[in-house]
N, C-alpha and C. Protein backbone atom coordinates (compact mmCIF):
# COMPACT_ATOMS: atom_id res chain seq x y z
N MET A 1 4.18 20.50 -7.14
CA MET A 1 3.25 19.56 -7.71
C MET A 1 3.83 18.16 -7.54
N ASN A 2 3.01 17.20 -7.15
CA ASN A 2 3.43 15.81 -6.98
C ASN A 2 2.53 14.89 -7.79
N TRP A 3 3.09 13.76 -8.21
CA TRP A 3 2.29 12.74 -8.87
C TRP A 3 1.30 12.19 -7.86
N HIS A 4 0.04 11.98 -8.27
CA HIS A 4 -0.98 11.52 -7.34
C HIS A 4 -1.40 10.08 -7.64
N HIS A 5 -1.94 9.80 -8.82
CA HIS A 5 -2.33 8.44 -9.18
C HIS A 5 -2.56 8.35 -10.69
N ALA A 6 -2.67 7.12 -11.18
CA ALA A 6 -3.05 6.88 -12.57
C ALA A 6 -4.43 6.24 -12.56
N GLY A 7 -5.31 6.71 -13.42
CA GLY A 7 -6.66 6.16 -13.52
C GLY A 7 -6.78 5.28 -14.75
N ILE A 8 -7.42 4.14 -14.59
CA ILE A 8 -7.57 3.18 -15.68
C ILE A 8 -9.04 2.81 -15.81
N GLU A 9 -9.63 3.05 -16.98
CA GLU A 9 -11.00 2.60 -17.23
C GLU A 9 -10.97 1.12 -17.53
N VAL A 10 -11.83 0.37 -16.84
CA VAL A 10 -11.84 -1.09 -16.96
C VAL A 10 -13.23 -1.58 -17.33
N GLU A 11 -13.28 -2.77 -17.91
CA GLU A 11 -14.56 -3.37 -18.27
C GLU A 11 -15.26 -3.97 -17.07
N ASN A 12 -14.49 -4.57 -16.15
CA ASN A 12 -15.07 -5.25 -14.99
C ASN A 12 -14.24 -4.90 -13.76
N LEU A 13 -14.81 -4.10 -12.88
CA LEU A 13 -14.07 -3.59 -11.72
C LEU A 13 -13.56 -4.70 -10.81
N GLU A 14 -14.40 -5.68 -10.53
CA GLU A 14 -14.01 -6.76 -9.63
C GLU A 14 -12.86 -7.59 -10.22
N ARG A 15 -12.96 -7.91 -11.50
CA ARG A 15 -11.91 -8.70 -12.15
C ARG A 15 -10.58 -7.95 -12.16
N SER A 16 -10.63 -6.67 -12.54
CA SER A 16 -9.40 -5.88 -12.61
C SER A 16 -8.80 -5.65 -11.23
N SER A 17 -9.64 -5.39 -10.24
CA SER A 17 -9.15 -5.21 -8.87
C SER A 17 -8.46 -6.47 -8.38
N ALA A 18 -9.08 -7.61 -8.61
CA ALA A 18 -8.48 -8.89 -8.19
C ALA A 18 -7.15 -9.12 -8.90
N PHE A 19 -7.05 -8.76 -10.16
CA PHE A 19 -5.81 -8.91 -10.92
C PHE A 19 -4.68 -8.12 -10.26
N TYR A 20 -4.89 -6.82 -10.02
CA TYR A 20 -3.84 -5.99 -9.43
C TYR A 20 -3.51 -6.41 -8.00
N GLU A 21 -4.51 -6.88 -7.25
CA GLU A 21 -4.25 -7.34 -5.89
C GLU A 21 -3.44 -8.63 -5.89
N LYS A 22 -3.85 -9.58 -6.72
CA LYS A 22 -3.20 -10.90 -6.73
C LYS A 22 -1.83 -10.85 -7.39
N ILE A 23 -1.74 -10.22 -8.53
CA ILE A 23 -0.51 -10.24 -9.32
C ILE A 23 0.54 -9.28 -8.78
N PHE A 24 0.14 -8.08 -8.39
CA PHE A 24 1.10 -7.05 -8.02
C PHE A 24 1.08 -6.67 -6.54
N GLY A 25 0.18 -7.26 -5.77
CA GLY A 25 0.15 -6.99 -4.33
C GLY A 25 -0.51 -5.69 -3.91
N PHE A 26 -1.31 -5.10 -4.79
CA PHE A 26 -2.04 -3.89 -4.41
C PHE A 26 -3.09 -4.23 -3.36
N LYS A 27 -3.44 -3.25 -2.55
CA LYS A 27 -4.50 -3.38 -1.54
C LYS A 27 -5.60 -2.37 -1.87
N ALA A 28 -6.84 -2.83 -1.83
CA ALA A 28 -7.98 -1.96 -2.12
C ALA A 28 -8.17 -0.95 -1.00
N GLY A 29 -8.49 0.27 -1.39
CA GLY A 29 -8.77 1.34 -0.43
C GLY A 29 -10.18 1.86 -0.64
N THR A 30 -10.30 3.14 -0.85
CA THR A 30 -11.58 3.80 -1.01
C THR A 30 -12.33 3.28 -2.23
N CYS A 31 -13.61 2.98 -2.04
CA CYS A 31 -14.53 2.63 -3.13
C CYS A 31 -15.61 3.70 -3.15
N LEU A 32 -15.99 4.15 -4.34
CA LEU A 32 -17.05 5.14 -4.42
C LEU A 32 -17.76 5.04 -5.74
N LYS A 33 -18.89 5.73 -5.84
CA LYS A 33 -19.67 5.77 -7.07
C LYS A 33 -19.92 7.23 -7.41
N LEU A 34 -19.57 7.62 -8.64
CA LEU A 34 -19.84 8.96 -9.15
C LEU A 34 -20.67 8.80 -10.42
N GLY A 35 -21.94 9.11 -10.33
CA GLY A 35 -22.82 8.92 -11.47
C GLY A 35 -22.89 7.45 -11.85
N LYS A 36 -22.56 7.13 -13.09
CA LYS A 36 -22.60 5.75 -13.56
C LYS A 36 -21.26 5.04 -13.40
N GLU A 37 -20.29 5.71 -12.77
CA GLU A 37 -18.97 5.11 -12.57
C GLU A 37 -18.84 4.49 -11.19
N LYS A 38 -18.29 3.27 -11.17
CA LYS A 38 -17.87 2.64 -9.91
C LYS A 38 -16.35 2.75 -9.88
N ILE A 39 -15.81 3.16 -8.74
CA ILE A 39 -14.39 3.46 -8.63
C ILE A 39 -13.80 2.79 -7.41
N VAL A 40 -12.58 2.24 -7.56
CA VAL A 40 -11.82 1.75 -6.41
C VAL A 40 -10.38 2.22 -6.56
N PHE A 41 -9.81 2.68 -5.45
CA PHE A 41 -8.39 3.04 -5.41
C PHE A 41 -7.62 1.87 -4.83
N LEU A 42 -6.50 1.53 -5.48
CA LEU A 42 -5.62 0.45 -5.02
C LEU A 42 -4.24 1.05 -4.77
N ALA A 43 -3.58 0.61 -3.71
CA ALA A 43 -2.25 1.13 -3.40
C ALA A 43 -1.28 -0.01 -3.15
N CYS A 44 -0.05 0.21 -3.57
CA CYS A 44 1.07 -0.70 -3.30
C CYS A 44 2.26 0.20 -2.98
N GLY A 45 2.56 0.35 -1.70
CA GLY A 45 3.59 1.31 -1.31
C GLY A 45 3.10 2.70 -1.66
N SER A 46 3.93 3.47 -2.36
CA SER A 46 3.55 4.83 -2.74
C SER A 46 2.84 4.89 -4.09
N ILE A 47 2.65 3.75 -4.74
CA ILE A 47 1.99 3.72 -6.05
C ILE A 47 0.49 3.55 -5.85
N VAL A 48 -0.28 4.43 -6.46
CA VAL A 48 -1.74 4.38 -6.36
C VAL A 48 -2.33 4.34 -7.76
N ILE A 49 -3.27 3.42 -7.96
CA ILE A 49 -4.03 3.39 -9.21
C ILE A 49 -5.51 3.48 -8.88
N GLU A 50 -6.25 4.05 -9.80
CA GLU A 50 -7.70 4.18 -9.67
C GLU A 50 -8.32 3.37 -10.80
N LEU A 51 -9.15 2.41 -10.45
CA LEU A 51 -9.86 1.62 -11.45
C LEU A 51 -11.27 2.17 -11.56
N ILE A 52 -11.72 2.39 -12.80
CA ILE A 52 -13.00 3.03 -13.05
C ILE A 52 -13.82 2.14 -13.99
N GLU A 53 -15.00 1.73 -13.53
CA GLU A 53 -15.93 0.98 -14.38
C GLU A 53 -17.11 1.89 -14.67
N ASN A 54 -17.39 2.12 -15.95
CA ASN A 54 -18.50 2.95 -16.37
C ASN A 54 -19.50 2.07 -17.10
N SER A 55 -20.72 1.98 -16.56
CA SER A 55 -21.73 1.09 -17.14
C SER A 55 -22.13 1.49 -18.55
N GLU A 56 -21.85 2.73 -18.95
CA GLU A 56 -22.20 3.17 -20.31
C GLU A 56 -21.04 3.05 -21.29
N GLN A 57 -19.80 2.96 -20.80
CA GLN A 57 -18.63 2.92 -21.68
C GLN A 57 -17.70 1.81 -21.23
N ASN A 58 -18.01 0.59 -21.53
CA ASN A 58 -17.20 -0.54 -21.08
C ASN A 58 -16.14 -0.95 -22.10
N THR A 59 -15.38 0.00 -22.60
CA THR A 59 -14.35 -0.33 -23.58
C THR A 59 -13.01 -0.63 -22.94
N GLY A 60 -12.77 -0.18 -21.72
CA GLY A 60 -11.52 -0.44 -21.03
C GLY A 60 -10.35 0.39 -21.54
N SER A 61 -9.31 0.41 -20.79
CA SER A 61 -7.98 0.97 -21.06
C SER A 61 -7.88 2.42 -21.50
N ASN A 62 -8.77 3.29 -21.07
CA ASN A 62 -8.55 4.72 -21.22
C ASN A 62 -7.89 5.22 -19.94
N LEU A 63 -6.91 6.10 -20.07
CA LEU A 63 -6.14 6.58 -18.92
C LEU A 63 -6.39 8.06 -18.68
N HIS A 64 -6.18 8.48 -17.44
CA HIS A 64 -6.12 9.90 -17.14
C HIS A 64 -4.94 10.14 -16.21
N LEU A 65 -4.48 11.37 -16.16
CA LEU A 65 -3.37 11.76 -15.30
C LEU A 65 -3.91 12.56 -14.14
N ALA A 66 -3.37 12.35 -12.95
CA ALA A 66 -3.82 13.10 -11.77
C ALA A 66 -2.62 13.63 -11.02
N TRP A 67 -2.67 14.92 -10.69
CA TRP A 67 -1.60 15.54 -9.92
C TRP A 67 -2.18 16.14 -8.66
N GLU A 68 -1.47 15.91 -7.56
CA GLU A 68 -1.85 16.54 -6.30
C GLU A 68 -1.28 17.95 -6.27
N VAL A 69 -2.11 18.92 -5.94
CA VAL A 69 -1.68 20.31 -5.87
C VAL A 69 -2.00 20.87 -4.48
N GLY A 70 -1.18 21.80 -4.04
CA GLY A 70 -1.39 22.39 -2.72
C GLY A 70 -2.54 23.37 -2.69
N ASP A 71 -2.66 24.20 -3.71
CA ASP A 71 -3.69 25.24 -3.75
C ASP A 71 -4.50 25.07 -5.03
N LEU A 72 -5.60 24.36 -4.91
CA LEU A 72 -6.42 24.05 -6.08
C LEU A 72 -6.95 25.33 -6.73
N PHE A 73 -7.33 26.32 -5.92
CA PHE A 73 -7.89 27.54 -6.48
C PHE A 73 -6.86 28.32 -7.29
N TYR A 74 -5.61 28.29 -6.86
CA TYR A 74 -4.54 28.91 -7.66
C TYR A 74 -4.49 28.26 -9.04
N TRP A 75 -4.49 26.93 -9.06
CA TRP A 75 -4.40 26.21 -10.33
C TRP A 75 -5.63 26.44 -11.20
N MET A 76 -6.81 26.48 -10.59
CA MET A 76 -8.02 26.75 -11.35
C MET A 76 -7.92 28.13 -12.02
N ASP A 77 -7.48 29.14 -11.27
CA ASP A 77 -7.31 30.48 -11.83
C ASP A 77 -6.24 30.48 -12.92
N HIS A 78 -5.13 29.82 -12.66
CA HIS A 78 -4.03 29.76 -13.63
C HIS A 78 -4.49 29.11 -14.94
N LEU A 79 -5.18 27.99 -14.83
CA LEU A 79 -5.63 27.30 -16.04
C LEU A 79 -6.68 28.11 -16.80
N GLU A 80 -7.53 28.81 -16.06
CA GLU A 80 -8.51 29.68 -16.73
C GLU A 80 -7.79 30.80 -17.48
N GLU A 81 -6.75 31.37 -16.87
CA GLU A 81 -5.95 32.41 -17.54
C GLU A 81 -5.29 31.87 -18.80
N CYS A 82 -5.01 30.57 -18.82
CA CYS A 82 -4.39 29.93 -19.99
C CYS A 82 -5.43 29.49 -21.01
N GLY A 83 -6.70 29.78 -20.75
CA GLY A 83 -7.76 29.46 -21.70
C GLY A 83 -8.40 28.10 -21.51
N LEU A 84 -8.08 27.41 -20.41
CA LEU A 84 -8.68 26.09 -20.17
C LEU A 84 -9.90 26.22 -19.28
N LYS A 85 -10.96 25.55 -19.69
CA LYS A 85 -12.19 25.49 -18.90
C LYS A 85 -12.30 24.09 -18.30
N PRO A 86 -12.87 23.97 -17.11
CA PRO A 86 -13.01 22.64 -16.51
C PRO A 86 -13.89 21.73 -17.37
N LEU A 87 -13.48 20.48 -17.46
CA LEU A 87 -14.28 19.44 -18.10
C LEU A 87 -15.38 19.00 -17.14
N GLU A 88 -15.01 18.82 -15.86
CA GLU A 88 -15.93 18.45 -14.78
C GLU A 88 -15.41 19.04 -13.48
N GLY A 89 -16.34 19.28 -12.56
CA GLY A 89 -15.96 19.70 -11.22
C GLY A 89 -15.86 21.20 -11.10
N PRO A 90 -15.40 21.66 -9.93
CA PRO A 90 -14.78 20.85 -8.87
C PRO A 90 -15.82 20.08 -8.06
N TYR A 91 -15.38 18.91 -7.56
CA TYR A 91 -16.20 18.06 -6.71
C TYR A 91 -15.52 17.92 -5.36
N SER A 92 -16.30 18.07 -4.29
CA SER A 92 -15.81 17.79 -2.94
C SER A 92 -16.21 16.37 -2.60
N LEU A 93 -15.22 15.53 -2.28
CA LEU A 93 -15.47 14.12 -1.97
C LEU A 93 -15.61 13.92 -0.47
N ASP A 94 -16.24 12.81 -0.08
CA ASP A 94 -16.43 12.50 1.34
C ASP A 94 -15.11 12.39 2.08
N SER A 95 -14.04 12.05 1.39
CA SER A 95 -12.73 11.90 2.02
C SER A 95 -12.12 13.24 2.44
N GLY A 96 -12.72 14.35 1.98
CA GLY A 96 -12.17 15.66 2.24
C GLY A 96 -11.39 16.21 1.07
N SER A 97 -11.14 15.39 0.06
CA SER A 97 -10.43 15.83 -1.14
C SER A 97 -11.37 16.63 -2.04
N THR A 98 -10.78 17.50 -2.84
CA THR A 98 -11.51 18.21 -3.88
C THR A 98 -10.81 17.92 -5.19
N VAL A 99 -11.59 17.61 -6.23
CA VAL A 99 -11.02 17.27 -7.53
C VAL A 99 -11.68 18.10 -8.63
N ILE A 100 -10.92 18.35 -9.69
CA ILE A 100 -11.43 19.02 -10.87
C ILE A 100 -10.72 18.42 -12.08
N PHE A 101 -11.42 18.37 -13.22
CA PHE A 101 -10.90 17.70 -14.41
C PHE A 101 -10.83 18.68 -15.58
N TYR A 102 -9.74 18.55 -16.34
CA TYR A 102 -9.52 19.34 -17.55
C TYR A 102 -9.16 18.40 -18.69
N LYS A 103 -9.28 18.90 -19.92
CA LYS A 103 -8.89 18.11 -21.08
C LYS A 103 -7.61 18.69 -21.66
N GLY A 104 -6.63 17.80 -21.93
CA GLY A 104 -5.37 18.21 -22.53
C GLY A 104 -5.49 18.36 -24.04
N PRO A 105 -4.41 18.74 -24.70
CA PRO A 105 -4.45 19.02 -26.13
C PRO A 105 -4.76 17.82 -27.01
N ASP A 106 -4.49 16.63 -26.54
CA ASP A 106 -4.77 15.43 -27.33
C ASP A 106 -5.97 14.66 -26.80
N GLY A 107 -6.78 15.31 -25.96
CA GLY A 107 -7.97 14.67 -25.43
C GLY A 107 -7.75 13.94 -24.12
N GLU A 108 -6.51 13.92 -23.62
CA GLU A 108 -6.27 13.26 -22.34
C GLU A 108 -6.93 14.06 -21.22
N VAL A 109 -7.36 13.35 -20.20
CA VAL A 109 -8.00 14.00 -19.05
C VAL A 109 -6.94 14.24 -17.98
N ILE A 110 -6.90 15.46 -17.49
CA ILE A 110 -5.97 15.85 -16.43
C ILE A 110 -6.79 16.19 -15.20
N GLU A 111 -6.52 15.48 -14.12
CA GLU A 111 -7.23 15.68 -12.85
C GLU A 111 -6.30 16.37 -11.86
N LEU A 112 -6.79 17.42 -11.24
CA LEU A 112 -6.06 18.07 -10.16
C LEU A 112 -6.75 17.71 -8.85
N VAL A 113 -5.95 17.33 -7.85
CA VAL A 113 -6.47 16.85 -6.58
C VAL A 113 -5.89 17.70 -5.45
N SER A 114 -6.76 18.22 -4.62
CA SER A 114 -6.35 18.86 -3.38
C SER A 114 -6.93 17.99 -2.28
N GLN A 115 -6.08 17.42 -1.45
CA GLN A 115 -6.57 16.41 -0.52
C GLN A 115 -6.06 16.60 0.89
N ARG A 116 -6.77 15.94 1.80
CA ARG A 116 -6.26 15.81 3.16
C ARG A 116 -5.11 14.83 3.09
N THR A 117 -4.10 15.01 3.89
CA THR A 117 -2.90 14.17 3.87
C THR A 117 -3.24 12.71 4.10
N GLY A 118 -2.72 11.85 3.21
CA GLY A 118 -2.84 10.41 3.38
C GLY A 118 -4.19 9.82 3.05
N VAL A 119 -5.09 10.58 2.45
CA VAL A 119 -6.44 10.09 2.16
C VAL A 119 -6.62 9.98 0.66
N TYR A 120 -7.20 8.87 0.20
CA TYR A 120 -7.53 8.70 -1.22
C TYR A 120 -9.00 8.44 -1.37
């Protein structure tokens, strides 16, 4: 298992993206829309962050954890055996990645990502 990215819910996607690009040197990558969420991935070296703007929940600063896994179906079976049901997904993205979301014991969202190499 490897660390994949950190997701940050933001009030204004353009403002937050400009902040990370200007202040920390991140470069914008994939942009997408899932339901009411607008999403952009930013990378700086091996560090990747995902900024998420939700038109229905503009409170900002909620985080989720994402781990890249080699065999998503193994993990889905394993988590089901542990009593965890998916919160959302699995979703197949245009990039070739597949993602699924679970809720941790304190309400944190845990995302598992199975992806094509080098694609966000």
